[in-house]
């Protein structure tokens, strides 16, 4: 296996990636669920996106998360969590000065990285 970094678009079975907003890595993957550690750099945010085949549960480990789900904002701190239903438009942003780290649990019939419908993106990927 090469040391080349994998991007989200290179494979639906990626194990990690370093998109412009930070990093994610798969901690555990089973046929109907996947667990990731997601790190969002200060001042960055993920795409406003939705998924056709999965729901997600985000649990904040450190930092503060501004989570938007279907246009409604919620501020989460370490120890707090939120559920994101399948097909819900969502994003997370880090407005703090330190990295935001959260655990993402995906559940659904298909968990590939290509099940992302980007509605808005700061990095030209929509």
N, C-alpha and C. Protein backbone atom coordinates (compact mmCIF):
# COMPACT_ATOMS: atom_id res chain seq x y z
N UNK A 1 0.84 -1.18 0.00
CA UNK A 1 0.00 0.00 0.00
C UNK A 1 0.89 1.24 0.00
N UNK A 2 0.53 2.20 -0.81
CA UNK A 2 1.37 3.39 -0.94
C UNK A 2 1.09 4.38 0.18
N UNK A 3 2.01 5.33 0.36
CA UNK A 3 1.85 6.36 1.39
C UNK A 3 1.03 7.54 0.89
N UNK A 4 0.61 7.48 -0.37
CA UNK A 4 -0.16 8.57 -0.95
C UNK A 4 -1.44 8.81 -0.15
N UNK A 5 -1.73 10.08 0.15
CA UNK A 5 -2.94 10.42 0.88
C UNK A 5 -4.16 10.19 -0.01
N UNK A 6 -5.23 9.70 0.58
CA UNK A 6 -6.45 9.44 -0.16
C UNK A 6 -7.41 10.60 0.03
N UNK A 7 -8.05 11.04 -1.03
CA UNK A 7 -9.07 12.07 -0.91
C UNK A 7 -10.44 11.38 -0.87
N UNK A 8 -11.47 12.12 -0.47
CA UNK A 8 -12.80 11.55 -0.37
C UNK A 8 -13.28 11.02 -1.72
N UNK A 9 -12.86 11.62 -2.82
CA UNK A 9 -13.35 11.21 -4.12
C UNK A 9 -12.58 10.05 -4.72
N UNK A 10 -11.44 9.65 -4.15
CA UNK A 10 -10.64 8.59 -4.75
C UNK A 10 -11.24 7.22 -4.57
N UNK A 11 -11.92 6.98 -3.48
CA UNK A 11 -12.51 5.67 -3.25
C UNK A 11 -13.64 5.77 -2.25
N UNK A 12 -14.67 4.95 -2.45
CA UNK A 12 -15.78 4.95 -1.48
C UNK A 12 -15.40 4.19 -0.22
N UNK A 13 -14.28 3.48 -0.21
CA UNK A 13 -13.84 2.71 0.94
C UNK A 13 -12.62 3.34 1.62
N UNK A 14 -12.45 4.63 1.48
CA UNK A 14 -11.31 5.32 2.08
C UNK A 14 -11.27 5.09 3.58
N UNK A 15 -10.08 5.00 4.15
CA UNK A 15 -9.89 4.81 5.59
C UNK A 15 -9.56 6.11 6.31
N UNK A 16 -9.09 7.11 5.56
CA UNK A 16 -8.78 8.42 6.14
C UNK A 16 -8.67 9.43 5.01
N UNK A 17 -8.76 10.69 5.36
CA UNK A 17 -8.59 11.75 4.37
C UNK A 17 -8.22 13.03 5.11
N UNK A 18 -7.58 13.93 4.37
CA UNK A 18 -7.23 15.24 4.90
C UNK A 18 -7.82 16.32 3.98
N UNK A 19 -9.15 16.49 4.05
CA UNK A 19 -9.78 17.55 3.26
C UNK A 19 -9.33 18.92 3.76
N UNK A 20 -9.69 19.99 3.05
CA UNK A 20 -9.21 21.33 3.42
C UNK A 20 -9.62 21.78 4.82
N UNK A 21 -10.65 21.22 5.38
CA UNK A 21 -11.15 21.63 6.70
C UNK A 21 -10.52 20.88 7.87
N UNK A 22 -9.75 19.81 7.62
CA UNK A 22 -9.16 19.07 8.74
C UNK A 22 -8.79 17.65 8.38
N UNK A 23 -9.35 16.68 9.12
CA UNK A 23 -9.00 15.27 8.91
C UNK A 23 -10.14 14.38 9.41
N UNK A 24 -10.29 13.23 8.79
CA UNK A 24 -11.14 12.19 9.34
C UNK A 24 -10.46 10.85 9.16
N UNK A 25 -10.78 9.93 10.07
CA UNK A 25 -10.25 8.58 9.97
C UNK A 25 -11.26 7.58 10.49
N UNK A 26 -11.33 6.44 9.81
CA UNK A 26 -12.24 5.37 10.21
C UNK A 26 -11.61 4.61 11.37
N UNK A 27 -12.35 4.49 12.46
CA UNK A 27 -11.90 3.74 13.62
C UNK A 27 -12.42 2.31 13.60
N UNK A 28 -13.61 2.12 13.04
CA UNK A 28 -14.25 0.80 13.01
C UNK A 28 -15.24 0.79 11.85
N UNK A 29 -15.28 -0.32 11.11
CA UNK A 29 -16.24 -0.42 10.01
C UNK A 29 -16.83 -1.82 9.97
N UNK A 30 -18.15 -1.86 9.97
CA UNK A 30 -18.92 -3.09 9.86
C UNK A 30 -19.90 -2.91 8.71
N UNK A 31 -20.58 -3.97 8.29
CA UNK A 31 -21.48 -3.84 7.14
C UNK A 31 -22.57 -2.77 7.28
N UNK A 32 -23.10 -2.57 8.49
CA UNK A 32 -24.20 -1.62 8.64
C UNK A 32 -23.89 -0.43 9.55
N UNK A 33 -22.64 -0.29 9.98
CA UNK A 33 -22.25 0.92 10.71
C UNK A 33 -20.76 1.18 10.57
N UNK A 34 -20.40 2.45 10.76
CA UNK A 34 -19.01 2.89 10.66
C UNK A 34 -18.78 3.94 11.74
N UNK A 35 -17.59 3.92 12.34
CA UNK A 35 -17.23 4.89 13.38
C UNK A 35 -16.00 5.66 12.90
N UNK A 36 -16.09 6.99 12.93
CA UNK A 36 -14.99 7.86 12.50
C UNK A 36 -14.63 8.85 13.60
N UNK A 37 -13.36 9.25 13.59
CA UNK A 37 -12.92 10.41 14.38
C UNK A 37 -12.75 11.54 13.37
N UNK A 38 -13.39 12.66 13.62
CA UNK A 38 -13.37 13.81 12.72
C UNK A 38 -12.75 14.98 13.46
N UNK A 39 -11.76 15.63 12.84
CA UNK A 39 -11.11 16.82 13.40
C UNK A 39 -11.33 17.98 12.45
N UNK A 40 -11.91 19.06 12.97
CA UNK A 40 -12.16 20.27 12.18
C UNK A 40 -11.26 21.37 12.70
N UNK A 41 -10.48 21.94 11.82
CA UNK A 41 -9.54 23.00 12.19
C UNK A 41 -10.28 24.28 12.59
N UNK A 42 -9.67 25.12 13.44
CA UNK A 42 -10.29 26.39 13.82
C UNK A 42 -10.67 27.23 12.60
N UNK A 43 -11.87 27.77 12.62
CA UNK A 43 -12.34 28.63 11.54
C UNK A 43 -12.81 27.90 10.30
N UNK A 44 -12.83 26.58 10.31
CA UNK A 44 -13.22 25.80 9.13
C UNK A 44 -14.58 25.15 9.35
N UNK A 45 -15.19 24.70 8.23
CA UNK A 45 -16.45 23.99 8.31
C UNK A 45 -16.56 22.99 7.17
N UNK A 46 -17.38 21.97 7.39
CA UNK A 46 -17.63 20.96 6.38
C UNK A 46 -18.66 21.47 5.39
N UNK A 47 -18.85 20.75 4.31
CA UNK A 47 -19.89 21.06 3.34
C UNK A 47 -21.26 21.01 4.00
N UNK A 48 -22.18 21.82 3.48
CA UNK A 48 -23.59 21.64 3.82
C UNK A 48 -24.04 20.51 2.92
N UNK A 49 -24.40 19.37 3.50
CA UNK A 49 -24.57 18.14 2.74
C UNK A 49 -25.68 17.29 3.30
N UNK A 50 -26.01 16.24 2.56
CA UNK A 50 -26.94 15.23 3.05
C UNK A 50 -26.54 13.88 2.49
N UNK A 51 -27.13 12.83 3.06
CA UNK A 51 -26.82 11.47 2.66
C UNK A 51 -28.12 10.73 2.36
N UNK A 52 -28.11 9.93 1.30
CA UNK A 52 -29.29 9.18 0.89
C UNK A 52 -29.47 7.88 1.64
N UNK A 53 -28.36 7.30 2.13
CA UNK A 53 -28.40 5.93 2.63
C UNK A 53 -28.03 5.76 4.10
N UNK A 54 -27.79 6.83 4.81
CA UNK A 54 -27.37 6.68 6.20
C UNK A 54 -27.83 7.84 7.06
N UNK A 55 -27.89 7.56 8.38
CA UNK A 55 -28.04 8.62 9.37
C UNK A 55 -26.73 8.67 10.14
N UNK A 56 -26.55 9.74 10.91
CA UNK A 56 -25.30 9.91 11.65
C UNK A 56 -25.60 10.37 13.08
N UNK A 57 -24.69 10.03 13.96
CA UNK A 57 -24.73 10.49 15.35
C UNK A 57 -23.36 11.09 15.63
N UNK A 58 -23.31 12.35 16.06
CA UNK A 58 -22.06 13.04 16.34
C UNK A 58 -21.94 13.28 17.83
N UNK A 59 -20.81 12.89 18.40
CA UNK A 59 -20.53 13.10 19.82
C UNK A 59 -19.25 13.93 19.94
N UNK A 60 -19.36 15.12 20.52
CA UNK A 60 -18.22 16.03 20.61
C UNK A 60 -17.26 15.55 21.71
N UNK A 61 -15.99 15.41 21.36
CA UNK A 61 -14.94 14.99 22.29
C UNK A 61 -14.22 16.21 22.85
N UNK A 62 -13.87 17.16 21.98
CA UNK A 62 -13.21 18.39 22.43
C UNK A 62 -13.52 19.52 21.48
N UNK A 63 -13.50 20.73 22.01
CA UNK A 63 -13.82 21.91 21.22
C UNK A 63 -15.31 22.20 21.26
N UNK A 64 -15.72 23.15 20.44
CA UNK A 64 -17.12 23.55 20.33
C UNK A 64 -17.56 23.41 18.89
N UNK A 65 -18.74 22.82 18.69
CA UNK A 65 -19.27 22.57 17.36
C UNK A 65 -20.52 23.39 17.13
N UNK A 66 -20.55 24.14 16.05
CA UNK A 66 -21.79 24.77 15.61
C UNK A 66 -22.36 23.85 14.54
N UNK A 67 -23.44 23.15 14.89
CA UNK A 67 -24.05 22.17 13.99
C UNK A 67 -25.31 22.78 13.39
N UNK A 68 -25.44 22.67 12.08
CA UNK A 68 -26.64 23.13 11.38
C UNK A 68 -27.32 21.90 10.78
N UNK A 69 -28.60 21.72 11.10
CA UNK A 69 -29.40 20.63 10.54
C UNK A 69 -30.67 21.25 9.98
N UNK A 70 -30.86 21.10 8.67
CA UNK A 70 -32.01 21.66 7.97
C UNK A 70 -32.24 23.12 8.34
N UNK A 71 -31.16 23.90 8.38
CA UNK A 71 -31.24 25.34 8.61
C UNK A 71 -31.30 25.78 10.06
N UNK A 72 -31.34 24.84 11.00
CA UNK A 72 -31.41 25.19 12.43
C UNK A 72 -30.06 24.91 13.08
N UNK A 73 -29.56 25.89 13.86
CA UNK A 73 -28.25 25.79 14.50
C UNK A 73 -28.34 25.30 15.94
N UNK A 74 -27.32 24.54 16.33
CA UNK A 74 -27.17 24.09 17.71
C UNK A 74 -25.68 24.16 18.06
N UNK A 75 -25.36 24.70 19.23
CA UNK A 75 -23.98 24.77 19.69
C UNK A 75 -23.74 23.61 20.65
N UNK A 76 -22.75 22.77 20.34
CA UNK A 76 -22.42 21.62 21.18
C UNK A 76 -21.02 21.75 21.74
N UNK A 77 -20.85 21.29 22.97
CA UNK A 77 -19.54 21.27 23.62
C UNK A 77 -19.18 19.83 23.94
N UNK A 78 -17.96 19.63 24.44
CA UNK A 78 -17.49 18.29 24.79
C UNK A 78 -18.51 17.59 25.69
N UNK A 79 -18.80 16.34 25.36
CA UNK A 79 -19.76 15.55 26.12
C UNK A 79 -21.18 15.60 25.58
N UNK A 80 -21.43 16.48 24.61
CA UNK A 80 -22.77 16.59 24.03
C UNK A 80 -22.80 15.89 22.68
N UNK A 81 -24.00 15.50 22.26
CA UNK A 81 -24.15 14.75 21.02
C UNK A 81 -25.42 15.19 20.29
N UNK A 82 -25.49 14.83 19.01
CA UNK A 82 -26.66 15.18 18.19
C UNK A 82 -26.86 14.09 17.13
N UNK A 83 -28.12 13.87 16.77
CA UNK A 83 -28.47 12.91 15.72
C UNK A 83 -28.80 13.65 14.43
N UNK A 84 -28.34 13.10 13.32
CA UNK A 84 -28.61 13.66 12.01
C UNK A 84 -29.36 12.61 11.20
N UNK A 85 -30.64 12.85 10.94
CA UNK A 85 -31.44 11.87 10.20
C UNK A 85 -30.99 11.75 8.73
N UNK A 86 -31.24 10.59 8.16
CA UNK A 86 -30.99 10.39 6.73
C UNK A 86 -31.75 11.46 5.94
N UNK A 87 -31.11 12.00 4.91
CA UNK A 87 -31.67 13.03 4.02
C UNK A 87 -31.71 14.43 4.63
N UNK A 88 -31.30 14.60 5.88
CA UNK A 88 -31.29 15.94 6.48
C UNK A 88 -30.05 16.70 6.00
N UNK A 89 -30.23 17.94 5.59
CA UNK A 89 -29.10 18.79 5.22
C UNK A 89 -28.38 19.18 6.50
N UNK A 90 -27.05 19.02 6.51
CA UNK A 90 -26.30 19.27 7.75
C UNK A 90 -24.88 19.72 7.47
N UNK A 91 -24.30 20.37 8.47
CA UNK A 91 -22.89 20.75 8.45
C UNK A 91 -22.45 21.03 9.87
N UNK A 92 -21.13 21.03 10.06
CA UNK A 92 -20.56 21.42 11.35
C UNK A 92 -19.46 22.42 11.06
N UNK A 93 -19.35 23.40 11.94
CA UNK A 93 -18.26 24.38 11.81
C UNK A 93 -17.59 24.55 13.16
N UNK A 94 -16.29 24.90 13.07
CA UNK A 94 -15.50 25.15 14.27
C UNK A 94 -15.21 26.64 14.31
N UNK A 95 -15.88 27.34 15.19
CA UNK A 95 -15.67 28.78 15.32
C UNK A 95 -14.74 29.11 16.47
N UNK A 96 -14.16 28.07 17.07
CA UNK A 96 -13.25 28.26 18.20
C UNK A 96 -11.81 28.43 17.77
N UNK A 97 -10.91 28.49 18.76
CA UNK A 97 -9.48 28.70 18.52
C UNK A 97 -8.68 27.40 18.56
N UNK A 98 -9.32 26.31 18.96
CA UNK A 98 -8.63 25.02 19.01
C UNK A 98 -9.38 24.01 18.14
N UNK A 99 -8.73 22.91 17.78
CA UNK A 99 -9.40 21.92 16.93
C UNK A 99 -10.67 21.37 17.58
N UNK A 100 -11.67 21.13 16.77
CA UNK A 100 -12.89 20.46 17.17
C UNK A 100 -12.72 18.98 16.83
N UNK A 101 -12.97 18.10 17.79
CA UNK A 101 -12.89 16.67 17.55
C UNK A 101 -14.22 16.05 17.95
N UNK A 102 -14.79 15.27 17.03
CA UNK A 102 -16.02 14.55 17.37
C UNK A 102 -15.97 13.15 16.78
N UNK A 103 -16.74 12.27 17.39
CA UNK A 103 -16.89 10.91 16.91
C UNK A 103 -18.19 10.84 16.12
N UNK A 104 -18.10 10.29 14.91
CA UNK A 104 -19.26 10.16 14.04
C UNK A 104 -19.60 8.68 13.90
N UNK A 105 -20.83 8.34 14.22
CA UNK A 105 -21.30 6.97 14.02
C UNK A 105 -22.31 7.01 12.88
N UNK A 106 -21.99 6.31 11.81
CA UNK A 106 -22.88 6.21 10.66
C UNK A 106 -23.61 4.88 10.72
N UNK A 107 -24.92 4.90 10.42
CA UNK A 107 -25.71 3.67 10.34
C UNK A 107 -26.55 3.75 9.08
N UNK A 108 -26.57 2.65 8.32
CA UNK A 108 -27.40 2.64 7.12
C UNK A 108 -27.08 1.49 6.20
N UNK A 109 -27.74 1.51 5.05
CA UNK A 109 -27.61 0.43 4.08
C UNK A 109 -26.36 0.56 3.22
N UNK A 110 -25.81 1.76 3.14
CA UNK A 110 -24.60 2.00 2.35
C UNK A 110 -23.82 3.12 3.03
N UNK A 111 -22.52 2.89 3.28
CA UNK A 111 -21.72 3.83 4.07
C UNK A 111 -20.53 4.39 3.30
N UNK A 112 -20.54 4.30 1.99
CA UNK A 112 -19.43 4.79 1.18
C UNK A 112 -19.31 6.30 1.20
N UNK A 113 -18.08 6.77 0.99
CA UNK A 113 -17.82 8.22 0.98
C UNK A 113 -18.48 8.91 -0.20
N UNK A 114 -18.92 8.15 -1.20
CA UNK A 114 -19.59 8.77 -2.35
C UNK A 114 -21.09 8.97 -2.11
N UNK A 115 -21.60 8.68 -0.91
CA UNK A 115 -22.98 9.00 -0.55
C UNK A 115 -23.03 10.37 0.12
N UNK A 116 -22.45 11.35 -0.55
CA UNK A 116 -22.47 12.73 -0.07
C UNK A 116 -23.06 13.59 -1.18
N UNK A 117 -24.14 14.26 -0.87
CA UNK A 117 -24.73 15.23 -1.79
C UNK A 117 -24.39 16.59 -1.22
N UNK A 118 -23.43 17.28 -1.84
CA UNK A 118 -23.01 18.59 -1.34
C UNK A 118 -23.95 19.67 -1.86
N UNK A 119 -24.55 20.39 -0.94
CA UNK A 119 -25.47 21.48 -1.28
C UNK A 119 -24.73 22.81 -1.35
N UNK A 120 -23.68 22.92 -0.55
CA UNK A 120 -22.87 24.15 -0.48
C UNK A 120 -21.51 23.74 0.04
N UNK A 121 -20.45 24.37 -0.49
CA UNK A 121 -19.11 23.98 -0.08
C UNK A 121 -18.16 25.17 -0.21
N UNK A 122 -17.35 25.38 0.84
CA UNK A 122 -16.39 26.49 0.85
C UNK A 122 -15.17 26.21 -0.03
N UNK A 123 -15.02 24.99 -0.50
CA UNK A 123 -13.78 24.58 -1.17
C UNK A 123 -14.00 24.15 -2.62
N UNK A 124 -15.13 24.54 -3.21
CA UNK A 124 -15.38 24.27 -4.62
C UNK A 124 -15.69 22.82 -4.95
N UNK A 125 -16.17 22.05 -3.99
CA UNK A 125 -16.45 20.63 -4.25
C UNK A 125 -17.93 20.34 -4.46
N UNK A 126 -18.81 21.35 -4.45
CA UNK A 126 -20.24 21.07 -4.60
C UNK A 126 -20.63 20.88 -6.04
